[in-house]
Amino acid sequence: MYCIPLLNASELSDMPGPHQVALETETTNTAAIKLYERLGFLRSKRLHRYYFNGNSAFRLILYLKPSLSCACEGDDYGHDHSHSHDES
């Protein structure tokens, strides 16, 4: 199991290198998918027959840089709040 350290936005914006975490999980692994989505990961794409057993996977991305992700609640980073987060 991997641990992602929590950093505030100012620390992230000063960090060099990638500002996202990517992972893959089987499309049938609903428990893992729900967990990752609760942690803020977004489904990026479906990878057909990704695993050796022929099963497909979802690639999920967690954007770490404030300008790429949308924390919204309580952020003061100049984020445009004119959009909606409704799941309709």
N, C-alpha and C. Protein backbone atom coordinates (compact mmCIF):
# COMPACT_ATOMS: atom_id res chain seq x y z
N MET A 1 0.85 -1.18 0.00
CA MET A 1 0.00 0.00 0.00
C MET A 1 0.89 1.23 0.00
N TYR A 2 0.47 2.25 -0.76
CA TYR A 2 1.23 3.48 -0.86
C TYR A 2 0.54 4.58 -0.07
N CYS A 3 1.34 5.50 0.42
CA CYS A 3 0.81 6.63 1.19
C CYS A 3 1.17 7.91 0.46
N ILE A 4 0.18 8.77 0.27
CA ILE A 4 0.41 10.07 -0.36
C ILE A 4 0.43 11.12 0.74
N PRO A 5 1.58 11.79 0.96
CA PRO A 5 1.62 12.81 2.00
C PRO A 5 0.72 13.98 1.64
N LEU A 6 0.08 14.54 2.64
CA LEU A 6 -0.79 15.68 2.41
C LEU A 6 0.01 16.97 2.52
N LEU A 7 -0.11 17.80 1.51
CA LEU A 7 0.58 19.09 1.48
C LEU A 7 -0.43 20.18 1.21
N ASN A 8 -0.13 21.38 1.66
CA ASN A 8 -1.05 22.47 1.34
C ASN A 8 -0.73 23.00 -0.05
N ALA A 9 -1.61 23.81 -0.61
CA ALA A 9 -1.50 24.25 -1.99
C ALA A 9 -0.23 25.05 -2.24
N SER A 10 0.21 25.87 -1.29
CA SER A 10 1.41 26.66 -1.51
C SER A 10 2.64 25.76 -1.61
N GLU A 11 2.67 24.67 -0.86
CA GLU A 11 3.79 23.73 -0.96
C GLU A 11 3.78 23.04 -2.32
N LEU A 12 2.60 22.69 -2.80
CA LEU A 12 2.49 22.00 -4.08
C LEU A 12 2.92 22.89 -5.24
N SER A 13 2.51 24.15 -5.21
CA SER A 13 2.82 25.02 -6.33
C SER A 13 4.32 25.30 -6.43
N ASP A 14 5.05 25.16 -5.34
CA ASP A 14 6.50 25.38 -5.34
C ASP A 14 7.28 24.12 -5.70
N MET A 15 6.61 22.97 -5.73
CA MET A 15 7.29 21.71 -5.99
C MET A 15 7.54 21.52 -7.48
N PRO A 16 8.75 21.07 -7.84
CA PRO A 16 8.99 20.72 -9.24
C PRO A 16 8.39 19.35 -9.53
N GLY A 17 8.30 19.03 -10.79
CA GLY A 17 7.89 17.68 -11.17
C GLY A 17 6.41 17.53 -11.35
N PRO A 18 5.96 16.28 -11.43
CA PRO A 18 4.55 16.01 -11.73
C PRO A 18 3.63 16.47 -10.61
N HIS A 19 2.45 16.89 -11.01
CA HIS A 19 1.45 17.34 -10.05
C HIS A 19 0.19 16.50 -10.16
N GLN A 20 0.40 15.21 -10.39
CA GLN A 20 -0.73 14.29 -10.44
C GLN A 20 -0.25 12.89 -10.08
N VAL A 21 -1.18 12.08 -9.63
CA VAL A 21 -0.93 10.69 -9.33
C VAL A 21 -1.86 9.88 -10.22
N ALA A 22 -1.33 8.88 -10.89
CA ALA A 22 -2.15 8.03 -11.75
C ALA A 22 -2.07 6.60 -11.24
N LEU A 23 -3.18 5.88 -11.39
CA LEU A 23 -3.21 4.47 -11.03
C LEU A 23 -4.22 3.76 -11.92
N GLU A 24 -4.12 2.45 -11.95
CA GLU A 24 -5.08 1.64 -12.69
C GLU A 24 -5.69 0.62 -11.76
N THR A 25 -6.96 0.31 -11.99
CA THR A 25 -7.64 -0.74 -11.24
C THR A 25 -8.64 -1.43 -12.16
N GLU A 26 -8.89 -2.70 -11.90
CA GLU A 26 -9.83 -3.45 -12.73
C GLU A 26 -11.20 -2.81 -12.70
N THR A 27 -11.87 -2.83 -13.83
CA THR A 27 -13.20 -2.23 -13.93
C THR A 27 -14.20 -2.93 -13.02
N THR A 28 -13.92 -4.17 -12.65
CA THR A 28 -14.83 -4.93 -11.78
C THR A 28 -14.55 -4.71 -10.30
N ASN A 29 -13.49 -4.01 -9.95
CA ASN A 29 -13.11 -3.78 -8.56
C ASN A 29 -13.83 -2.54 -8.03
N THR A 30 -15.12 -2.67 -7.80
CA THR A 30 -15.94 -1.52 -7.41
C THR A 30 -15.54 -0.94 -6.06
N ALA A 31 -15.09 -1.77 -5.14
CA ALA A 31 -14.67 -1.24 -3.83
C ALA A 31 -13.48 -0.30 -3.99
N ALA A 32 -12.49 -0.70 -4.80
CA ALA A 32 -11.31 0.15 -5.02
C ALA A 32 -11.70 1.44 -5.76
N ILE A 33 -12.56 1.31 -6.76
CA ILE A 33 -12.98 2.48 -7.52
C ILE A 33 -13.68 3.49 -6.62
N LYS A 34 -14.57 3.01 -5.76
CA LYS A 34 -15.28 3.91 -4.83
C LYS A 34 -14.30 4.58 -3.87
N LEU A 35 -13.35 3.82 -3.37
CA LEU A 35 -12.35 4.38 -2.46
C LEU A 35 -11.55 5.48 -3.14
N TYR A 36 -11.01 5.19 -4.32
CA TYR A 36 -10.19 6.17 -5.03
C TYR A 36 -11.00 7.41 -5.38
N GLU A 37 -12.25 7.23 -5.79
CA GLU A 37 -13.07 8.40 -6.13
C GLU A 37 -13.38 9.24 -4.88
N ARG A 38 -13.56 8.59 -3.73
CA ARG A 38 -13.75 9.35 -2.49
C ARG A 38 -12.49 10.13 -2.13
N LEU A 39 -11.34 9.62 -2.52
CA LEU A 39 -10.07 10.30 -2.24
C LEU A 39 -9.78 11.41 -3.25
N GLY A 40 -10.64 11.56 -4.26
CA GLY A 40 -10.47 12.65 -5.22
C GLY A 40 -9.99 12.23 -6.59
N PHE A 41 -9.75 10.95 -6.82
CA PHE A 41 -9.31 10.48 -8.13
C PHE A 41 -10.46 10.59 -9.12
N LEU A 42 -10.14 10.89 -10.37
CA LEU A 42 -11.11 10.98 -11.45
C LEU A 42 -10.79 9.91 -12.49
N ARG A 43 -11.83 9.32 -13.06
CA ARG A 43 -11.60 8.33 -14.12
C ARG A 43 -11.11 9.06 -15.36
N SER A 44 -9.98 8.61 -15.86
CA SER A 44 -9.37 9.24 -17.03
C SER A 44 -9.72 8.50 -18.31
N LYS A 45 -9.58 7.18 -18.29
CA LYS A 45 -9.89 6.39 -19.48
C LYS A 45 -10.08 4.93 -19.10
N ARG A 46 -10.70 4.21 -20.02
CA ARG A 46 -10.86 2.77 -19.87
C ARG A 46 -9.79 2.10 -20.72
N LEU A 47 -9.08 1.15 -20.14
CA LEU A 47 -8.01 0.45 -20.82
C LEU A 47 -8.47 -0.98 -21.10
N HIS A 48 -8.83 -1.26 -22.34
CA HIS A 48 -9.38 -2.57 -22.71
C HIS A 48 -8.30 -3.65 -22.66
N ARG A 49 -8.63 -4.76 -22.02
CA ARG A 49 -7.72 -5.92 -21.89
C ARG A 49 -6.36 -5.50 -21.35
N TYR A 50 -6.36 -4.69 -20.32
CA TYR A 50 -5.14 -4.13 -19.74
C TYR A 50 -4.31 -5.19 -19.01
N TYR A 51 -4.99 -6.09 -18.33
CA TYR A 51 -4.30 -7.10 -17.52
C TYR A 51 -4.05 -8.37 -18.31
N PHE A 52 -3.06 -9.15 -17.88
CA PHE A 52 -2.72 -10.42 -18.56
C PHE A 52 -3.89 -11.39 -18.60
N ASN A 53 -4.79 -11.29 -17.61
CA ASN A 53 -5.95 -12.19 -17.59
C ASN A 53 -7.06 -11.73 -18.54
N GLY A 54 -6.82 -10.65 -19.28
CA GLY A 54 -7.78 -10.16 -20.26
C GLY A 54 -8.76 -9.14 -19.72
N ASN A 55 -8.73 -8.88 -18.42
CA ASN A 55 -9.65 -7.91 -17.83
C ASN A 55 -9.25 -6.48 -18.18
N SER A 56 -10.25 -5.62 -18.26
CA SER A 56 -10.03 -4.21 -18.54
C SER A 56 -9.80 -3.45 -17.24
N ALA A 57 -9.28 -2.24 -17.38
CA ALA A 57 -8.98 -1.39 -16.22
C ALA A 57 -9.46 0.02 -16.48
N PHE A 58 -9.63 0.75 -15.38
CA PHE A 58 -9.82 2.19 -15.45
C PHE A 58 -8.51 2.84 -15.01
N ARG A 59 -8.08 3.86 -15.73
CA ARG A 59 -6.99 4.70 -15.25
C ARG A 59 -7.63 5.84 -14.50
N LEU A 60 -7.17 6.07 -13.27
CA LEU A 60 -7.69 7.15 -12.43
C LEU A 60 -6.56 8.13 -12.15
N ILE A 61 -6.90 9.41 -12.12
CA ILE A 61 -5.91 10.48 -11.92
C ILE A 61 -6.32 11.32 -10.72
N LEU A 62 -5.35 11.64 -9.88
CA LEU A 62 -5.54 12.59 -8.79
C LEU A 62 -4.67 13.79 -9.11
N TYR A 63 -5.29 14.94 -9.37
CA TYR A 63 -4.56 16.16 -9.67
C TYR A 63 -4.16 16.83 -8.37
N LEU A 64 -2.87 17.11 -8.22
CA LEU A 64 -2.35 17.67 -6.97
C LEU A 64 -2.19 19.18 -7.03
N LYS A 65 -1.98 19.74 -8.20
CA LYS A 65 -1.76 21.16 -8.33
C LYS A 65 -3.10 21.89 -8.23
N PRO A 66 -3.22 22.93 -7.39
CA PRO A 66 -4.50 23.60 -7.17
C PRO A 66 -5.16 24.09 -8.45
N SER A 67 -4.40 24.55 -9.43
CA SER A 67 -5.01 25.08 -10.64
C SER A 67 -5.58 23.98 -11.52
N LEU A 68 -5.19 22.72 -11.26
CA LEU A 68 -5.69 21.61 -12.07
C LEU A 68 -6.85 20.89 -11.42
N SER A 69 -6.94 20.97 -10.11
CA SER A 69 -8.01 20.28 -9.41
C SER A 69 -9.01 21.30 -8.89
N CYS A 70 -10.06 20.81 -8.28
CA CYS A 70 -11.10 21.72 -7.82
C CYS A 70 -11.48 21.36 -6.39
N ALA A 71 -10.80 21.93 -5.43
CA ALA A 71 -11.14 21.68 -4.03
C ALA A 71 -12.36 22.50 -3.64
N CYS A 72 -12.47 23.69 -4.16
CA CYS A 72 -13.59 24.61 -3.99
C CYS A 72 -13.88 24.99 -2.55
N GLU A 73 -14.31 24.08 -1.71
CA GLU A 73 -14.75 24.45 -0.38
C GLU A 73 -13.59 25.02 0.42
N GLY A 74 -13.67 26.30 0.72
CA GLY A 74 -12.68 26.93 1.58
C GLY A 74 -11.36 27.28 0.92
N ASP A 75 -11.29 27.17 -0.43
CA ASP A 75 -10.00 27.53 -1.01
C ASP A 75 -9.97 29.02 -1.32
N ASP A 76 -8.79 29.57 -1.26
CA ASP A 76 -8.59 31.00 -1.54
C ASP A 76 -7.53 31.17 -2.61
N TYR A 77 -7.55 30.33 -3.62
CA TYR A 77 -6.49 30.33 -4.61
C TYR A 77 -6.93 30.92 -5.93
N GLY A 78 -7.92 31.81 -5.92
CA GLY A 78 -8.37 32.43 -7.15
C GLY A 78 -9.16 31.51 -8.04
N HIS A 79 -9.71 30.47 -7.47
CA HIS A 79 -10.48 29.49 -8.25
C HIS A 79 -11.81 30.08 -8.67
N ASP A 80 -12.20 29.83 -9.90
CA ASP A 80 -13.48 30.29 -10.43
C ASP A 80 -14.59 29.39 -9.91
N HIS A 81 -15.46 29.94 -9.06
CA HIS A 81 -16.54 29.16 -8.47
C HIS A 81 -17.85 29.31 -9.23
N SER A 82 -17.79 29.77 -10.46
CA SER A 82 -19.01 29.98 -11.22
C SER A 82 -19.56 28.69 -11.83
N HIS A 83 -18.80 27.59 -11.73
CA HIS A 83 -19.26 26.33 -12.30
C HIS A 83 -20.01 25.51 -11.25
N SER A 84 -20.65 24.48 -11.70
CA SER A 84 -21.46 23.65 -10.82
C SER A 84 -20.77 22.30 -10.59
N HIS A 85 -20.95 21.75 -9.42
CA HIS A 85 -20.43 20.42 -9.10
C HIS A 85 -21.56 19.40 -8.99
N ASP A 86 -22.72 19.72 -9.55
CA ASP A 86 -23.85 18.80 -9.50
C ASP A 86 -23.50 17.54 -10.28
N GLU A 87 -23.96 16.41 -9.78
CA GLU A 87 -23.69 15.14 -10.44
C GLU A 87 -24.85 14.72 -11.34
N SER A 88 -25.51 15.68 -11.96
CA SER A 88 -26.64 15.35 -12.82
C SER A 88 -26.20 15.11 -14.24
